[in-house]
Amino acid sequence: MSDDTKFSLIRPTLNTAFHIDFDWWKNHDNNWRVHLYSCLCEEHQKMYTNTNEESCVDWIDPETAEVHSVDGLQKVLISHCARQAGFITLQTTLVESVFRTLLANGNVPMNSIQLAEVTGKTANTILQTLTGMRVYKGIRPVSS
């Protein structure tokens, strides 16, 4: 049984924290960079127009002071574009709202209740959507 088909015996609850698992997304969606590019603000879309390759930059975790190598596109998206007005609107779909909320939060894990407060969607609907058989946009429960 591969990592993709393992099931947890622990049933997620409203307090289960979720994050974007970029490694999962990179391994399961060939268009992951295209989607990240579409989330960039206009200024950064111009900067990354001709960049299809992953370019890594160093990022310092503000909590632990650990240095991590992260994708430059992810970094600018999380640190700048996700903080712009209009990044999430009332018309944004549930999965996209959760995805963008996690980006705007620096991909710090959030539970369904916290996500509901930001997105305006119901916590139960968020939980049901994110814990079904399908993984949407790499959004997964945080593994302990």
N, C-alpha and C. Protein backbone atom coordinates (compact mmCIF):
# COMPACT_ATOMS: atom_id res chain seq x y z
N MET A 1 0.85 -1.18 0.00
CA MET A 1 0.00 0.00 0.00
C MET A 1 0.89 1.24 0.00
N SER A 2 0.66 2.15 -0.91
CA SER A 2 1.48 3.37 -0.99
C SER A 2 0.99 4.40 0.00
N ASP A 3 1.79 5.47 0.17
CA ASP A 3 1.39 6.56 1.07
C ASP A 3 0.08 7.19 0.65
N ASP A 4 -0.24 7.13 -0.65
CA ASP A 4 -1.45 7.78 -1.15
C ASP A 4 -2.72 7.06 -0.74
N THR A 5 -2.62 5.77 -0.42
CA THR A 5 -3.82 5.00 -0.14
C THR A 5 -3.96 4.63 1.33
N LYS A 6 -3.09 5.11 2.18
CA LYS A 6 -3.20 4.83 3.61
C LYS A 6 -4.34 5.64 4.20
N PHE A 7 -5.10 5.00 5.06
CA PHE A 7 -6.20 5.67 5.72
C PHE A 7 -5.91 5.77 7.20
N SER A 8 -6.30 6.87 7.78
CA SER A 8 -6.10 7.08 9.20
C SER A 8 -7.27 6.47 9.96
N LEU A 9 -6.99 5.89 11.10
CA LEU A 9 -8.04 5.36 11.95
C LEU A 9 -8.65 6.46 12.81
N ILE A 10 -7.99 7.63 12.83
CA ILE A 10 -8.49 8.76 13.60
C ILE A 10 -9.38 9.61 12.70
N ARG A 11 -10.61 9.78 13.13
CA ARG A 11 -11.56 10.57 12.35
C ARG A 11 -11.32 12.05 12.62
N PRO A 12 -11.11 12.84 11.55
CA PRO A 12 -10.90 14.28 11.73
C PRO A 12 -12.12 14.95 12.38
N THR A 13 -11.86 15.98 13.17
CA THR A 13 -12.92 16.73 13.83
C THR A 13 -12.81 18.20 13.42
N LEU A 14 -13.70 19.01 13.94
CA LEU A 14 -13.65 20.45 13.66
C LEU A 14 -12.35 21.07 14.14
N ASN A 15 -11.67 20.42 15.07
CA ASN A 15 -10.40 20.93 15.61
C ASN A 15 -9.17 20.39 14.89
N THR A 16 -9.37 19.53 13.90
CA THR A 16 -8.25 19.00 13.12
C THR A 16 -7.66 20.12 12.28
N ALA A 17 -6.36 20.31 12.38
CA ALA A 17 -5.69 21.39 11.63
C ALA A 17 -5.34 20.92 10.22
N PHE A 18 -5.48 21.83 9.27
CA PHE A 18 -5.17 21.57 7.86
C PHE A 18 -4.08 22.52 7.39
N HIS A 19 -3.34 22.10 6.39
CA HIS A 19 -2.32 22.94 5.76
C HIS A 19 -2.22 22.51 4.29
N ILE A 20 -1.49 23.29 3.52
CA ILE A 20 -1.24 22.91 2.13
C ILE A 20 0.04 22.09 2.13
N ASP A 21 -0.07 20.86 1.71
CA ASP A 21 1.09 19.97 1.61
C ASP A 21 1.65 20.14 0.19
N PHE A 22 2.58 21.08 0.03
CA PHE A 22 3.13 21.37 -1.29
C PHE A 22 3.85 20.18 -1.89
N ASP A 23 4.46 19.35 -1.06
CA ASP A 23 5.12 18.15 -1.59
C ASP A 23 4.10 17.21 -2.22
N TRP A 24 2.97 17.01 -1.53
CA TRP A 24 1.91 16.17 -2.10
C TRP A 24 1.45 16.77 -3.42
N TRP A 25 1.22 18.07 -3.42
CA TRP A 25 0.69 18.73 -4.61
C TRP A 25 1.66 18.61 -5.79
N LYS A 26 2.92 18.81 -5.54
CA LYS A 26 3.93 18.71 -6.60
C LYS A 26 3.96 17.31 -7.20
N ASN A 27 3.74 16.29 -6.38
CA ASN A 27 3.78 14.90 -6.84
C ASN A 27 2.50 14.45 -7.52
N HIS A 28 1.40 15.19 -7.37
CA HIS A 28 0.12 14.74 -7.89
C HIS A 28 -0.52 15.67 -8.91
N ASP A 29 0.04 16.82 -9.13
CA ASP A 29 -0.57 17.76 -10.08
C ASP A 29 0.53 18.45 -10.87
N ASN A 30 0.63 18.10 -12.13
CA ASN A 30 1.66 18.69 -12.98
C ASN A 30 1.47 20.18 -13.20
N ASN A 31 0.28 20.69 -12.93
CA ASN A 31 -0.04 22.10 -13.16
C ASN A 31 -0.02 22.93 -11.89
N TRP A 32 0.65 22.45 -10.85
CA TRP A 32 0.61 23.17 -9.59
C TRP A 32 1.20 24.57 -9.70
N ARG A 33 2.26 24.73 -10.48
CA ARG A 33 2.87 26.06 -10.64
C ARG A 33 1.95 27.00 -11.43
N VAL A 34 1.20 26.45 -12.37
CA VAL A 34 0.25 27.25 -13.15
C VAL A 34 -0.80 27.83 -12.20
N HIS A 35 -1.28 27.00 -11.29
CA HIS A 35 -2.28 27.50 -10.34
C HIS A 35 -1.69 28.55 -9.41
N LEU A 36 -0.49 28.31 -8.91
CA LEU A 36 0.13 29.32 -8.04
C LEU A 36 0.31 30.63 -8.81
N TYR A 37 0.74 30.53 -10.06
CA TYR A 37 0.92 31.72 -10.89
C TYR A 37 -0.40 32.49 -11.01
N SER A 38 -1.51 31.78 -11.17
CA SER A 38 -2.82 32.44 -11.33
C SER A 38 -3.24 33.17 -10.06
N CYS A 39 -2.65 32.82 -8.92
CA CYS A 39 -2.98 33.47 -7.65
C CYS A 39 -2.13 34.72 -7.40
N LEU A 40 -1.07 34.91 -8.19
CA LEU A 40 -0.19 36.06 -7.99
C LEU A 40 -0.91 37.36 -8.31
N CYS A 41 -0.49 38.44 -7.66
CA CYS A 41 -1.01 39.77 -7.99
C CYS A 41 -0.46 40.16 -9.37
N GLU A 42 -1.03 41.18 -9.95
CA GLU A 42 -0.63 41.60 -11.30
C GLU A 42 0.86 41.92 -11.40
N GLU A 43 1.38 42.60 -10.39
CA GLU A 43 2.80 42.97 -10.38
C GLU A 43 3.70 41.73 -10.47
N HIS A 44 3.40 40.73 -9.67
CA HIS A 44 4.24 39.54 -9.64
C HIS A 44 3.96 38.59 -10.81
N GLN A 45 2.77 38.65 -11.38
CA GLN A 45 2.52 37.86 -12.60
C GLN A 45 3.46 38.33 -13.70
N LYS A 46 3.68 39.65 -13.78
CA LYS A 46 4.60 40.19 -14.79
C LYS A 46 6.03 39.71 -14.53
N MET A 47 6.42 39.67 -13.25
CA MET A 47 7.77 39.24 -12.90
C MET A 47 8.01 37.77 -13.20
N TYR A 48 6.98 36.95 -13.02
CA TYR A 48 7.12 35.50 -13.19
C TYR A 48 6.59 34.98 -14.52
N THR A 49 6.31 35.87 -15.48
CA THR A 49 5.74 35.46 -16.76
C THR A 49 6.55 34.39 -17.47
N ASN A 50 7.84 34.54 -17.54
CA ASN A 50 8.67 33.60 -18.28
C ASN A 50 9.37 32.58 -17.39
N THR A 51 8.88 32.42 -16.18
CA THR A 51 9.53 31.49 -15.26
C THR A 51 8.69 30.25 -15.09
N ASN A 52 9.12 29.15 -15.68
CA ASN A 52 8.44 27.87 -15.52
C ASN A 52 9.18 26.97 -14.55
N GLU A 53 10.41 27.30 -14.29
CA GLU A 53 11.24 26.47 -13.42
C GLU A 53 11.12 26.92 -11.97
N GLU A 54 11.30 25.95 -11.10
CA GLU A 54 11.28 26.24 -9.67
C GLU A 54 12.59 26.93 -9.28
N SER A 55 12.48 28.07 -8.64
CA SER A 55 13.67 28.76 -8.15
C SER A 55 13.55 28.88 -6.65
N CYS A 56 14.50 28.31 -5.95
CA CYS A 56 14.43 28.26 -4.49
C CYS A 56 15.07 29.49 -3.85
N VAL A 57 14.47 29.90 -2.75
CA VAL A 57 15.01 31.00 -1.95
C VAL A 57 15.03 30.53 -0.50
N ASP A 58 15.87 31.14 0.32
CA ASP A 58 15.91 30.81 1.74
C ASP A 58 14.82 31.58 2.46
N TRP A 59 14.13 30.90 3.36
CA TRP A 59 13.09 31.51 4.17
C TRP A 59 13.37 31.14 5.62
N ILE A 60 13.29 32.14 6.51
CA ILE A 60 13.55 31.92 7.92
C ILE A 60 12.22 31.86 8.66
N ASP A 61 11.98 30.73 9.31
CA ASP A 61 10.77 30.55 10.09
C ASP A 61 10.80 31.52 11.27
N PRO A 62 9.79 32.43 11.36
CA PRO A 62 9.81 33.42 12.43
C PRO A 62 9.66 32.83 13.83
N GLU A 63 9.09 31.63 13.93
CA GLU A 63 8.90 30.99 15.23
C GLU A 63 10.17 30.28 15.71
N THR A 64 10.81 29.53 14.79
CA THR A 64 11.92 28.67 15.20
C THR A 64 13.28 29.18 14.74
N ALA A 65 13.30 30.16 13.85
CA ALA A 65 14.52 30.71 13.25
C ALA A 65 15.24 29.69 12.37
N GLU A 66 14.55 28.61 12.02
CA GLU A 66 15.12 27.62 11.11
C GLU A 66 15.09 28.18 9.69
N VAL A 67 16.12 27.89 8.92
CA VAL A 67 16.18 28.31 7.53
C VAL A 67 15.68 27.17 6.67
N HIS A 68 14.71 27.47 5.81
CA HIS A 68 14.14 26.48 4.90
C HIS A 68 14.34 26.97 3.48
N SER A 69 14.57 26.05 2.58
CA SER A 69 14.63 26.37 1.16
C SER A 69 13.21 26.21 0.61
N VAL A 70 12.64 27.29 0.09
CA VAL A 70 11.27 27.25 -0.44
C VAL A 70 11.26 27.78 -1.87
N ASP A 71 10.23 27.39 -2.58
CA ASP A 71 10.05 27.86 -3.94
C ASP A 71 9.80 29.37 -3.93
N GLY A 72 10.50 30.12 -4.78
CA GLY A 72 10.38 31.57 -4.83
C GLY A 72 8.97 32.03 -5.14
N LEU A 73 8.28 31.32 -6.03
CA LEU A 73 6.90 31.66 -6.38
C LEU A 73 6.00 31.51 -5.15
N GLN A 74 6.17 30.41 -4.41
CA GLN A 74 5.40 30.21 -3.18
C GLN A 74 5.68 31.34 -2.20
N LYS A 75 6.93 31.69 -2.06
CA LYS A 75 7.34 32.71 -1.10
C LYS A 75 6.69 34.06 -1.39
N VAL A 76 6.76 34.52 -2.63
CA VAL A 76 6.18 35.82 -2.97
C VAL A 76 4.66 35.77 -2.88
N LEU A 77 4.09 34.64 -3.21
CA LEU A 77 2.64 34.49 -3.11
C LEU A 77 2.19 34.60 -1.65
N ILE A 78 2.87 33.89 -0.77
CA ILE A 78 2.50 33.89 0.65
C ILE A 78 2.83 35.23 1.32
N SER A 79 4.00 35.77 1.03
CA SER A 79 4.44 36.97 1.75
C SER A 79 3.86 38.28 1.19
N HIS A 80 3.42 38.29 -0.06
CA HIS A 80 2.92 39.54 -0.63
C HIS A 80 1.52 39.41 -1.23
N CYS A 81 1.39 38.61 -2.26
CA CYS A 81 0.14 38.57 -3.04
C CYS A 81 -1.07 38.17 -2.21
N ALA A 82 -0.89 37.20 -1.31
CA ALA A 82 -2.00 36.72 -0.49
C ALA A 82 -2.49 37.77 0.50
N ARG A 83 -1.74 38.82 0.68
CA ARG A 83 -2.09 39.88 1.62
C ARG A 83 -2.79 41.06 0.95
N GLN A 84 -2.99 40.96 -0.37
CA GLN A 84 -3.62 42.05 -1.12
C GLN A 84 -5.14 41.98 -1.01
N ALA A 85 -5.77 43.15 -1.05
CA ALA A 85 -7.24 43.21 -1.05
C ALA A 85 -7.77 42.47 -2.27
N GLY A 86 -8.85 41.75 -2.09
CA GLY A 86 -9.46 41.03 -3.19
C GLY A 86 -8.87 39.65 -3.45
N PHE A 87 -7.91 39.23 -2.62
CA PHE A 87 -7.32 37.90 -2.80
C PHE A 87 -8.37 36.82 -2.59
N ILE A 88 -9.28 37.06 -1.65
CA ILE A 88 -10.42 36.17 -1.41
C ILE A 88 -11.68 37.03 -1.48
N THR A 89 -12.65 36.58 -2.25
CA THR A 89 -13.91 37.32 -2.37
C THR A 89 -15.07 36.40 -1.97
N LEU A 90 -16.26 36.96 -1.89
CA LEU A 90 -17.45 36.17 -1.57
C LEU A 90 -17.75 35.14 -2.68
N GLN A 91 -17.29 35.42 -3.89
CA GLN A 91 -17.54 34.52 -5.02
C GLN A 91 -16.51 33.40 -5.13
N THR A 92 -15.47 33.44 -4.33
CA THR A 92 -14.44 32.42 -4.37
C THR A 92 -15.01 31.10 -3.86
N THR A 93 -14.76 30.00 -4.58
CA THR A 93 -15.29 28.70 -4.18
C THR A 93 -14.74 28.27 -2.82
N LEU A 94 -15.37 27.30 -2.20
CA LEU A 94 -14.97 26.84 -0.88
C LEU A 94 -13.52 26.37 -0.87
N VAL A 95 -13.17 25.46 -1.76
CA VAL A 95 -11.80 24.92 -1.76
C VAL A 95 -10.79 26.02 -2.05
N GLU A 96 -11.09 26.88 -3.01
CA GLU A 96 -10.17 27.97 -3.34
C GLU A 96 -10.06 28.96 -2.17
N SER A 97 -11.18 29.21 -1.48
CA SER A 97 -11.16 30.09 -0.31
C SER A 97 -10.27 29.53 0.79
N VAL A 98 -10.38 28.23 1.04
CA VAL A 98 -9.55 27.59 2.06
C VAL A 98 -8.09 27.64 1.63
N PHE A 99 -7.83 27.32 0.38
CA PHE A 99 -6.46 27.34 -0.15
C PHE A 99 -5.85 28.73 0.01
N ARG A 100 -6.59 29.75 -0.41
CA ARG A 100 -6.08 31.12 -0.33
C ARG A 100 -5.97 31.61 1.11
N THR A 101 -6.86 31.15 1.98
CA THR A 101 -6.78 31.52 3.40
C THR A 101 -5.51 30.94 4.01
N LEU A 102 -5.20 29.70 3.70
CA LEU A 102 -3.98 29.09 4.21
C LEU A 102 -2.75 29.81 3.67
N LEU A 103 -2.78 30.21 2.39
CA LEU A 103 -1.67 30.98 1.84
C LEU A 103 -1.51 32.30 2.58
N ALA A 104 -2.63 33.00 2.77
CA ALA A 104 -2.59 34.31 3.44
C ALA A 104 -2.11 34.18 4.88
N ASN A 105 -2.30 33.01 5.46
CA ASN A 105 -1.87 32.75 6.83
C ASN A 105 -0.46 32.16 6.87
N GLY A 106 0.25 32.24 5.76
CA GLY A 106 1.62 31.72 5.71
C GLY A 106 1.68 30.21 5.75
N ASN A 107 0.56 29.56 5.42
CA ASN A 107 0.41 28.11 5.46
C ASN A 107 0.58 27.56 6.88
N VAL A 108 0.31 28.40 7.86
CA VAL A 108 0.26 27.94 9.24
C VAL A 108 -1.05 27.15 9.37
N PRO A 109 -1.00 25.94 9.92
CA PRO A 109 -2.21 25.11 10.01
C PRO A 109 -3.37 25.82 10.71
N MET A 110 -4.56 25.57 10.16
CA MET A 110 -5.80 26.13 10.73
C MET A 110 -6.85 25.02 10.74
N ASN A 111 -7.73 25.05 11.74
CA ASN A 111 -8.80 24.06 11.79
C ASN A 111 -10.03 24.59 11.06
N SER A 112 -11.05 23.75 10.94
CA SER A 112 -12.26 24.12 10.19
C SER A 112 -12.98 25.32 10.78
N ILE A 113 -12.95 25.46 12.08
CA ILE A 113 -13.61 26.59 12.74
C ILE A 113 -12.89 27.89 12.37
N GLN A 114 -11.57 27.88 12.44
CA GLN A 114 -10.79 29.07 12.07
C GLN A 114 -10.97 29.40 10.59
N LEU A 115 -10.96 28.38 9.76
CA LEU A 115 -11.14 28.60 8.32
C LEU A 115 -12.53 29.16 8.02
N ALA A 116 -13.53 28.70 8.75
CA ALA A 116 -14.90 29.19 8.57
C ALA A 116 -15.01 30.67 8.92
N GLU A 117 -14.32 31.09 9.96
CA GLU A 117 -14.36 32.50 10.38
C GLU A 117 -13.81 33.41 9.29
N VAL A 118 -12.80 32.96 8.57
CA VAL A 118 -12.17 33.78 7.54
C VAL A 118 -12.93 33.69 6.21
N THR A 119 -13.36 32.49 5.84
CA THR A 119 -13.94 32.29 4.51
C THR A 119 -15.43 32.59 4.44
N GLY A 120 -16.11 32.55 5.58
CA GLY A 120 -17.56 32.74 5.56
C GLY A 120 -18.31 31.46 5.20
N LYS A 121 -17.61 30.37 5.05
CA LYS A 121 -18.22 29.06 4.77
C LYS A 121 -18.46 28.38 6.12
N THR A 122 -19.29 27.35 6.15
CA THR A 122 -19.55 26.68 7.43
C THR A 122 -18.43 25.69 7.76
N ALA A 123 -18.13 25.59 9.05
CA ALA A 123 -17.06 24.71 9.51
C ALA A 123 -17.33 23.25 9.15
N ASN A 124 -18.59 22.81 9.30
CA ASN A 124 -18.93 21.42 8.97
C ASN A 124 -18.74 21.13 7.49
N THR A 125 -19.12 22.05 6.64
CA THR A 125 -18.94 21.86 5.20
C THR A 125 -17.46 21.81 4.84
N ILE A 126 -16.67 22.67 5.45
CA ILE A 126 -15.22 22.67 5.22
C ILE A 126 -14.64 21.31 5.64
N LEU A 127 -15.01 20.85 6.83
CA LEU A 127 -14.50 19.58 7.33
C LEU A 127 -14.90 18.43 6.41
N GLN A 128 -16.15 18.37 6.01
CA GLN A 128 -16.63 17.29 5.13
C GLN A 128 -15.91 17.31 3.79
N THR A 129 -15.70 18.49 3.24
CA THR A 129 -15.04 18.61 1.94
C THR A 129 -13.58 18.18 2.02
N LEU A 130 -12.88 18.62 3.04
CA LEU A 130 -11.44 18.36 3.14
C LEU A 130 -11.09 16.98 3.65
N THR A 131 -12.06 16.24 4.17
CA THR A 131 -11.76 14.91 4.69
C THR A 131 -12.40 13.80 3.88
N GLY A 132 -12.86 14.14 2.68
CA GLY A 132 -13.40 13.12 1.79
C GLY A 132 -12.28 12.31 1.17
N MET A 133 -12.62 11.47 0.22
CA MET A 133 -11.65 10.59 -0.44
C MET A 133 -10.67 11.38 -1.32
N ARG A 134 -11.08 12.53 -1.82
CA ARG A 134 -10.24 13.31 -2.72
C ARG A 134 -9.48 14.39 -1.96
N VAL A 135 -8.22 14.59 -2.34
CA VAL A 135 -7.42 15.68 -1.77
C VAL A 135 -7.50 16.84 -2.74
N TYR A 136 -7.97 17.99 -2.27
CA TYR A 136 -8.11 19.17 -3.10
C TYR A 136 -6.91 20.10 -2.90
N LYS A 137 -6.23 20.43 -3.97
CA LYS A 137 -5.15 21.42 -3.98
C LYS A 137 -4.10 21.17 -2.89
N GLY A 138 -3.89 19.91 -2.55
CA GLY A 138 -2.88 19.57 -1.55
C GLY A 138 -3.28 19.89 -0.13
N ILE A 139 -4.54 20.28 0.11
CA ILE A 139 -4.98 20.63 1.46
C ILE A 139 -5.23 19.33 2.22
N ARG A 140 -4.44 19.13 3.26
CA ARG A 140 -4.51 17.89 4.00
C ARG A 140 -4.42 18.15 5.50
N PRO A 141 -4.92 17.20 6.30
CA PRO A 141 -4.74 17.34 7.75
C PRO A 141 -3.25 17.30 8.07
N VAL A 142 -2.87 18.04 9.08
CA VAL A 142 -1.49 18.04 9.53
C VAL A 142 -1.23 16.69 10.20
N SER A 143 -0.18 16.00 9.78
CA SER A 143 0.14 14.73 10.42
C SER A 143 0.96 14.99 11.67
N SER A 144 0.68 14.20 12.70
CA SER A 144 1.38 14.43 13.95
C SER A 144 2.77 13.87 13.94
